[in-house]
Protein backbone atom coordinates (compact mmCIF):
# COMPACT_ATOMS: atom_id res chain seq x y z
CA MET A 1 -6.18 -0.04 26.11
CA GLY A 2 -10.04 -0.07 27.57
CA PRO A 3 -13.29 -1.54 25.70
CA VAL A 4 -14.35 -0.01 22.15
CA ARG A 5 -16.96 0.32 19.78
CA TRP A 6 -15.96 -1.95 17.62
CA GLU A 7 -16.63 -5.18 19.68
CA GLY A 8 -20.08 -4.59 19.35
CA GLN A 9 -19.37 -6.88 16.00
CA ARG A 10 -18.13 -9.63 17.82
CA LEU A 11 -20.47 -13.14 18.32
CA ASP A 12 -18.96 -13.12 21.41
CA ALA A 13 -20.41 -9.58 21.97
CA ASP A 14 -22.63 -10.69 25.51
CA ASP A 15 -19.88 -12.27 26.92
CA GLY A 16 -19.44 -9.42 28.90
CA GLY A 17 -16.92 -7.42 31.40
CA LEU A 18 -14.09 -8.92 27.63
CA LEU A 19 -11.01 -6.36 26.85
CA PRO A 20 -9.49 -6.68 23.95
CA GLY A 21 -7.02 -9.45 23.44
CA MET A 22 -9.47 -11.57 25.86
CA PRO A 23 -10.36 -15.34 24.65
CA SER A 24 -13.85 -16.13 24.96
CA THR A 25 -15.35 -19.55 24.21
CA ARG A 26 -18.14 -18.52 21.74
CA GLY A 27 -15.76 -16.39 20.49
CA LEU A 28 -12.71 -14.75 19.37
CA LEU A 29 -10.76 -11.33 19.57
CA ARG A 30 -6.67 -11.51 19.63
CA SER A 31 -4.94 -8.37 19.61
CA VAL A 32 -1.94 -9.59 18.77
CA GLN A 33 2.01 -7.57 17.13
CA VAL A 34 3.95 -9.43 15.32
CA PRO A 35 7.66 -8.85 13.57
CA GLU A 36 6.76 -8.28 11.13
CA PHE A 37 4.93 -4.59 11.00
CA PRO A 38 6.98 -3.71 14.61
CA GLY A 39 4.88 -1.44 16.06
CA VAL A 40 1.28 -1.75 14.87
CA THR A 41 -0.90 -4.51 16.69
CA LEU A 42 -3.91 -6.58 15.22
CA HIS A 43 -7.18 -6.82 16.46
CA GLU A 44 -8.14 -10.15 14.75
CA VAL A 45 -12.66 -10.01 14.85
CA LEU A 46 -15.35 -11.92 14.40
CA SER A 47 -17.97 -9.98 11.22
CA ARG A 48 -21.41 -10.29 11.86
CA SER A 49 -21.90 -8.84 8.15
CA ALA A 50 -19.76 -8.83 5.08
CA LEU A 51 -21.39 -6.77 2.21
CA ASN A 52 -22.32 -2.69 3.65
CA LYS A 53 -24.85 -1.15 1.63
CA VAL A 54 -24.40 2.15 -0.37
CA PRO A 55 -26.75 4.80 1.52
CA ASP A 56 -29.76 5.23 -0.80
CA GLY A 57 -29.56 8.41 -3.29
CA SER A 58 -25.30 8.36 -3.31
CA ARG A 59 -24.14 9.16 -7.11
CA MET A 60 -21.78 5.77 -6.75
CA PRO A 61 -22.09 2.88 -9.44
CA PHE A 62 -22.33 0.12 -7.21
CA GLY A 63 -24.30 -0.59 -4.57
CA TYR A 64 -22.67 -2.29 -1.89
CA THR A 65 -19.05 -2.02 -0.48
CA ILE A 66 -17.04 -4.59 1.21
CA ASN A 67 -14.15 -3.29 3.92
CA PRO A 68 -11.81 -5.98 5.59
CA TYR A 69 -9.27 -3.70 6.99
CA ARG A 70 -10.16 -0.64 9.38
CA GLY A 71 -6.97 0.76 9.64
CA CYS A 72 -4.31 1.34 7.36
CA LEU A 73 -0.69 0.58 7.47
CA HIS A 74 0.03 2.54 3.80
CA GLN A 75 -0.41 5.37 6.61
CA CYS A 76 -1.41 8.02 4.58
CA VAL A 77 -0.51 11.27 5.82
CA TYR A 78 -4.06 12.64 3.49
CA CYS A 79 -6.17 9.99 3.86
CA PHE A 80 -9.39 10.46 3.63
CA ALA A 81 -10.56 7.19 6.23
CA ARG A 82 -8.47 8.56 9.11
CA LYS A 83 -11.67 9.67 10.39
CA THR A 84 -13.49 5.77 10.63
CA HIS A 85 -11.24 4.94 12.92
CA GLU A 86 -12.53 7.46 15.41
CA TRP A 87 -16.05 5.15 14.95
CA LEU A 88 -13.81 2.68 17.28
CA ASP A 89 -12.47 4.97 19.93
CA LEU A 90 -9.18 5.73 18.42
CA ASP A 91 -7.79 8.22 16.98
CA SER A 92 -7.47 9.43 13.21
CA GLY A 93 -3.72 9.94 13.78
CA ARG A 94 -1.00 7.50 15.02
CA ASP A 95 -3.36 4.85 15.22
CA PHE A 96 -5.64 4.94 12.01
CA ASP A 97 -1.55 3.83 11.13
CA THR A 98 -1.23 1.46 13.83
CA GLN A 99 -3.82 -0.08 14.81
CA ILE A 100 -5.81 -2.43 12.67
CA VAL A 101 -8.65 -4.09 12.06
CA VAL A 102 -9.32 -7.47 10.56
CA LYS A 103 -12.06 -9.43 10.28
CA THR A 104 -10.76 -13.35 10.49
CA ASN A 105 -14.19 -14.47 9.17
CA LEU A 106 -15.41 -12.00 6.33
CA VAL A 107 -14.85 -14.57 3.23
CA GLU A 108 -17.71 -17.38 5.61
CA VAL A 109 -19.62 -14.33 6.51
CA LEU A 110 -19.27 -13.04 2.71
CA ARG A 111 -20.64 -16.28 1.12
CA ARG A 112 -23.82 -16.70 3.51
CA GLU A 113 -24.69 -13.49 3.11
CA LEU A 114 -24.48 -13.90 -0.85
CA ALA A 115 -26.18 -17.34 -0.67
CA LYS A 116 -29.42 -15.81 0.42
CA PRO A 117 -32.52 -15.71 -2.32
CA SER A 118 -32.99 -11.79 -1.46
CA TRP A 119 -28.63 -10.64 -2.74
CA ARG A 120 -29.72 -9.14 -6.64
CA ARG A 121 -25.75 -9.63 -7.78
CA GLU A 122 -25.44 -5.53 -7.20
CA HIS A 123 -21.75 -4.44 -8.19
CA VAL A 124 -19.72 -4.63 -5.36
CA ALA A 125 -16.20 -2.02 -4.56
CA LEU A 126 -13.72 -3.38 -2.37
CA GLY A 127 -11.04 -0.53 -1.70
CA THR A 128 -13.54 2.70 -1.45
CA ASN A 129 -12.74 2.70 2.67
CA THR A 130 -9.28 0.80 3.59
CA ASP A 131 -6.70 -0.56 1.22
CA PRO A 132 -8.02 -4.69 1.01
CA TYR A 133 -4.19 -4.75 -0.26
CA GLN A 134 -2.36 -3.60 2.33
CA ARG A 135 0.29 -5.15 3.76
CA ALA A 136 -1.63 -7.16 6.49
CA GLU A 137 -3.75 -9.00 3.24
CA GLY A 138 0.29 -10.78 2.78
CA ARG A 139 -0.60 -12.28 6.85
CA TYR A 140 -4.37 -13.00 6.26
CA ARG A 141 -4.85 -12.79 3.04
CA LEU A 142 -8.58 -12.88 2.68
CA MET A 143 -9.04 -11.48 -1.09
CA PRO A 144 -8.53 -14.61 -2.92
CA GLY A 145 -11.87 -16.23 -1.13
CA VAL A 146 -13.89 -12.54 -0.82
CA ILE A 147 -12.86 -12.88 -5.24
CA ARG A 148 -13.97 -17.16 -5.46
CA ALA A 149 -17.08 -15.78 -3.53
CA LEU A 150 -18.01 -13.04 -5.72
CA ALA A 151 -17.26 -14.85 -8.69
CA ASP A 152 -19.04 -18.18 -7.60
CA SER A 153 -22.30 -15.98 -6.55
CA GLY A 154 -22.01 -14.03 -10.30
CA THR A 155 -21.76 -10.51 -8.67
CA PRO A 156 -19.71 -7.93 -10.45
CA PHE A 157 -16.87 -6.07 -8.17
CA SER A 158 -13.97 -3.98 -8.44
CA VAL A 159 -11.36 -3.30 -7.06
CA LEU A 160 -9.04 0.00 -6.18
CA THR A 161 -5.42 -0.31 -4.65
CA LYS A 162 -2.24 1.24 -3.50
CA GLY A 163 -0.57 -2.11 -2.99
CA THR A 164 1.09 -4.39 -5.07
CA LEU A 165 -0.03 -7.58 -3.26
CA ALA A 166 -2.58 -7.38 -6.13
CA ARG A 167 -0.26 -8.89 -8.15
CA ARG A 168 -0.76 -12.70 -6.15
CA ASP A 169 -3.96 -12.37 -7.31
CA VAL A 170 -3.70 -10.76 -10.93
CA PRO A 171 -4.61 -14.85 -12.69
CA LEU A 172 -7.26 -15.16 -9.72
CA LEU A 173 -8.38 -12.42 -10.99
CA ALA A 174 -8.77 -12.70 -14.98
CA SER A 175 -9.61 -16.40 -14.25
CA ALA A 176 -13.05 -14.56 -12.33
CA ALA A 177 -13.50 -12.20 -14.91
CA ARG A 178 -13.96 -15.10 -17.40
CA ASP A 179 -17.64 -15.98 -15.30
CA VAL A 180 -18.42 -12.19 -13.78
CA PRO A 181 -17.24 -8.02 -15.43
CA VAL A 182 -14.50 -7.10 -13.09
CA GLY A 183 -12.67 -3.96 -13.00
CA PHE A 184 -9.82 -2.58 -11.87
CA GLY A 185 -8.15 0.37 -10.37
CA VAL A 186 -4.56 1.46 -8.79
CA SER A 187 -3.85 5.04 -6.84
CA LEU A 188 -0.88 7.03 -7.85
CA ALA A 189 -0.29 10.16 -6.81
CA ILE A 190 2.74 11.49 -5.64
CA TRP A 191 6.43 10.94 -7.55
CA ASP A 192 8.87 12.27 -6.07
CA ASP A 193 10.94 9.07 -3.54
CA ASP A 194 11.12 12.23 -0.48
CA LEU A 195 7.99 12.82 -0.77
CA HIS A 196 6.40 9.90 -1.49
CA ALA A 197 8.79 8.98 1.45
CA SER A 198 7.15 11.29 4.15
CA LEU A 199 3.70 11.54 2.76
CA GLU A 200 2.40 7.54 2.50
CA PRO A 201 5.38 6.20 4.24
CA GLY A 202 3.99 2.38 4.00
CA VAL A 203 3.06 2.55 0.34
CA PRO A 204 5.01 0.55 -2.19
CA SER A 205 6.67 3.09 -4.74
CA PRO A 206 4.99 4.84 -7.64
CA ARG A 207 6.96 2.19 -9.79
CA ALA A 208 6.58 -0.48 -8.65
CA ARG A 209 2.64 0.43 -8.96
CA LEU A 210 2.69 1.00 -12.26
CA ASP A 211 4.49 -2.88 -12.48
CA LEU A 212 1.53 -3.41 -11.58
CA VAL A 213 -1.36 -1.85 -14.00
CA ARG A 214 1.03 -3.96 -16.93
CA ALA A 215 0.69 -7.32 -15.00
CA VAL A 216 -3.06 -6.73 -14.95
CA THR A 217 -3.08 -5.11 -18.37
CA ASP A 218 -1.46 -8.06 -19.37
CA ALA A 219 -3.45 -10.62 -18.38
CA GLY A 220 -6.37 -8.83 -20.68
CA LEU A 221 -8.26 -6.94 -17.74
CA PRO A 222 -9.21 -2.75 -17.38
CA CYS A 223 -7.02 -0.91 -15.32
CA GLY A 224 -7.59 2.25 -14.29
CA VAL A 225 -5.53 4.89 -13.01
CA PHE A 226 -6.18 7.06 -10.32
CA LEU A 227 -3.51 10.53 -9.90
CA ALA A 228 -5.22 11.18 -6.78
CA PRO A 229 -5.03 13.00 -4.71
CA VAL A 230 -2.57 16.35 -6.66
CA LEU A 231 -1.40 18.02 -4.18
CA PRO A 232 -0.99 21.97 -4.82
CA GLY A 233 1.73 23.63 -4.60
CA LEU A 234 3.78 20.03 -4.32
CA THR A 235 2.54 18.06 -7.10
CA ASP A 236 0.07 19.47 -9.76
CA ARG A 237 3.13 21.31 -11.79
CA LEU A 238 2.91 21.37 -14.84
CA ALA A 239 6.51 19.35 -15.55
CA ASP A 240 5.58 16.84 -13.49
CA LEU A 241 1.35 16.67 -14.26
CA ASP A 242 3.19 15.02 -17.90
CA ALA A 243 6.12 13.09 -16.22
CA ALA A 244 3.26 11.09 -14.13
CA LEU A 245 0.67 10.52 -16.87
CA GLU A 246 3.76 9.69 -19.38
CA ALA A 247 5.12 6.86 -17.00
CA VAL A 248 1.25 6.17 -16.79
CA ALA A 249 0.15 5.97 -19.95
CA ALA A 250 3.61 3.55 -20.83
CA ALA A 251 2.39 1.29 -18.85
CA GLY A 252 -0.66 0.36 -19.87
CA ALA A 253 -3.36 2.07 -18.44
CA THR A 254 -6.57 1.87 -19.58
CA GLY A 255 -7.56 5.87 -18.50
CA VAL A 256 -7.05 8.05 -16.56
CA THR A 257 -8.91 10.09 -13.35
CA VAL A 258 -7.61 12.79 -11.54
CA VAL A 259 -8.25 14.19 -8.29
CA PRO A 260 -7.27 17.32 -6.35
CA LEU A 261 -6.67 16.64 -2.69
CA HIS A 262 -9.86 16.89 -0.50
CA LEU A 263 -8.99 17.49 3.02
CA ARG A 264 -12.27 15.93 5.26
CA PRO A 265 -11.43 16.35 9.07
CA GLY A 266 -9.57 13.25 10.38
CA ALA A 267 -7.36 13.64 7.52
CA ARG A 268 -7.68 17.61 7.49
CA GLU A 269 -6.04 17.90 11.30
CA TRP A 270 -2.96 15.44 10.45
CA PHE A 271 -1.77 16.63 7.13
CA SER A 272 -2.04 19.61 8.53
CA ALA A 273 0.13 19.70 10.59
CA TRP A 274 2.47 17.18 8.83
CA LEU A 275 2.57 19.96 5.84
CA ALA A 276 3.13 22.86 8.82
CA ARG A 277 6.38 20.82 9.91
CA GLU A 278 7.03 19.94 6.51
CA HIS A 279 6.50 22.44 4.23
CA PRO A 280 5.89 26.21 6.19
CA ALA A 281 6.01 28.08 3.42
CA LEU A 282 2.34 27.00 1.91
CA VAL A 283 0.53 26.33 5.41
CA PRO A 284 -1.52 30.05 4.14
CA ARG A 285 -1.87 28.50 0.02
CA TYR A 286 -3.98 25.51 1.80
CA ARG A 287 -5.68 28.01 4.90
CA GLN A 288 -6.91 29.86 1.40
CA LEU A 289 -7.50 26.98 -0.61
CA TYR A 290 -9.80 25.28 2.42
CA ARG A 291 -11.25 28.08 3.75
CA GLY A 292 -14.76 27.06 2.17
CA GLY A 293 -14.46 22.95 3.84
CA ALA A 294 -12.71 19.78 2.46
CA TYR A 295 -12.86 20.90 -1.74
CA VAL A 296 -10.81 22.91 -3.24
CA PRO A 297 -12.65 25.24 -4.95
CA ALA A 298 -14.17 25.52 -7.98
CA GLU A 299 -11.50 28.07 -9.63
CA TYR A 300 -8.28 25.95 -9.01
CA ARG A 301 -10.68 22.59 -10.22
CA THR A 302 -10.56 24.60 -13.26
CA TRP A 303 -7.34 26.16 -13.55
CA LEU A 304 -6.07 21.84 -12.87
CA ALA A 305 -9.33 20.45 -15.66
CA GLU A 306 -6.87 22.70 -17.80
CA ARG A 307 -3.65 22.13 -17.36
CA VAL A 308 -4.12 18.70 -17.17
CA ALA A 309 -6.06 17.54 -20.58
CA PRO A 310 -3.90 18.45 -23.45
CA LEU A 311 -1.40 16.01 -21.04
CA LEU A 312 -3.56 13.64 -21.01
CA ARG A 313 -4.36 14.23 -24.93
CA ARG A 314 -0.51 13.82 -26.10
CA HIS A 315 -1.04 10.39 -24.40
CA GLY A 316 -3.67 9.39 -25.84
CA LEU A 317 -5.58 8.88 -22.18
CA ASP A 318 -8.41 10.77 -22.58
CA GLY A 319 -10.85 8.21 -23.63
CA HIS A 320 -11.84 6.52 -20.66
CA SER A 321 -11.98 7.90 -17.00
CA GLY A 322 -13.21 6.57 -13.49
CA GLY A 323 -16.30 3.35 -13.95
CA ARG A 324 -15.29 2.80 -17.15
CA ALA A 325 -11.29 3.50 -17.63
CA ARG A 326 -11.58 0.35 -15.02
CA GLY A 327 -14.02 -1.85 -16.59
CA VAL A 328 -17.31 -0.27 -14.31
CA PRO A 329 -20.58 -0.81 -15.91
CA GLY A 330 -21.26 2.74 -15.62
CA GLU A 331 -19.79 5.41 -13.63
CA ALA A 332 -21.16 7.83 -11.14
CA PRO A 333 -21.78 11.38 -13.15
CA SER A 334 -18.41 12.97 -11.86
CA GLY A 335 -16.65 10.21 -12.73
CA VAL A 336 -14.66 8.80 -9.91
CA PRO A 337 -16.42 5.94 -8.60
CA GLY A 338 -15.72 6.40 -4.58
CA ASP A 339 -15.05 10.07 -4.97
CA ASP A 340 -18.28 12.03 -6.49
CA GLU A 341 -17.42 14.94 -4.60
CA ALA A 342 -13.79 15.87 -5.40
CA SER A 343 -12.85 15.19 -8.27
CA PHE A 344 -13.32 15.08 -12.38
CA PRO A 345 -13.09 12.89 -15.51
CA ALA A 346 -10.80 14.32 -17.35
CA GLY A 347 -11.46 17.07 -19.64
CA SER A 348 -14.19 18.18 -18.02
CA LEU A 349 -15.26 20.50 -15.66
CA PRO A 350 -18.04 19.87 -12.59
CA ALA A 351 -19.76 22.27 -10.97
CA ALA A 352 -18.95 23.79 -7.77
CA ARG A 353 -20.61 21.88 -5.18
CA PRO A 354 -20.53 23.49 -1.01
CA ALA A 355 -18.13 21.32 1.16
CA ALA A 356 -19.29 18.07 2.78
CA PRO A 357 -20.33 18.87 6.43
CA ALA A 358 -18.34 15.94 8.56
CA PRO A 359 -20.53 13.30 10.18
CA ALA A 360 -21.69 13.42 13.85
CA ARG A 361 -19.93 11.44 15.78
CA ARG A 362 -22.73 9.26 17.44
CA GLY A 363 -22.81 9.24 21.53
CA ARG A 364 -22.06 6.54 23.65
CA GLY A 365 -24.37 3.91 24.07
CA ARG A 366 -25.72 3.74 20.86
CA ALA A 367 -25.29 1.39 18.54
CA PRO A 368 -22.45 1.13 16.79
CA ALA A 369 -21.11 1.61 12.94
CA ARG A 370 -22.04 -0.92 10.59
CA ASP A 371 -19.36 -0.41 8.77
CA ASP A 372 -16.87 1.63 7.38
CA ALA A 373 -18.73 3.14 5.18
CA VAL A 374 -20.60 5.60 5.47
CA PRO A 375 -22.69 8.43 4.18
CA GLY A 376 -21.00 11.41 2.49
CA GLN A 377 -17.65 9.44 3.04
CA LEU A 378 -16.76 6.70 0.66
CA ALA A 379 -14.16 7.73 -1.26
CA LEU A 380 -10.51 6.86 -2.30
CA ILE A 381 -7.59 5.80 -0.30
């Protein structure tokens, strides 16, 4: 592998000629393969920043994000964040699943940024791009330091995850909540075991994530569930939605937000190849649904909202959605922190919006992206 753009994040970036895996005297970029993650390369980098400013004018209910990792071992075929790997000169398919960038000095940098007199303690969100509790977190243990740094500085924060490794930190999160507002959300998409194994092979089982919801709420924290993404023709049957929402309610979730599948560049190509291979009969339907861009048309959103609304009422889940469900003060107009363009709060119908254009690739020689969060790309994992 040749030099990639994320070398610009290295503190030793001025040491010319270094390749990934080569040490230097002023800093270290180490690429390692470990037995617990066969076929995966972990790229340990020294990051110059930890807090990512949400673009001005965004509808997000938070001002900053933190992303400890780039790439994701969850390996979700539909993951929107795949496109961001191309900013590193890695591909949005297999590389996204197996080339994981780890910001090893994240906590140190974060504490330094939070200590600045200019820091106004705006809400910080984790899990808006790749999952902070993906399996690599079990090796690097960055999140406990992040949680402590945010709480010690008086900064409110929230976490969205599919990773049951978060159970390790529930006591720490509960402790932090005594000092600052803390929100928590769990993403659940697929309930069929075969479909789950095929589409999100690195994600813990739905049952394990429901157990996480119960553990979080038992600790006294709000825990919203994102039923995301709902896959047309695969997970939008009435019986499937009813069974999912019944299980979510039984786990004690403080609210639910439903998110139909969106297919942005990067994810679109990867998911389309999977669909053609596994469910070829659905290919014409998806071409029709997504002919206008990344998002399903308003007609499908209306149909899905009308299908879901009575189920939410039946299971007592229609009171809160989006930010409110996970304890985030305020929320985006469409109700979902992290995906204001592609989802709706329980029981409401959004106005149709045009498809978001794909971000332009930066040419070589330009400054590297500051982090994973780029305009129009803050979304569910």
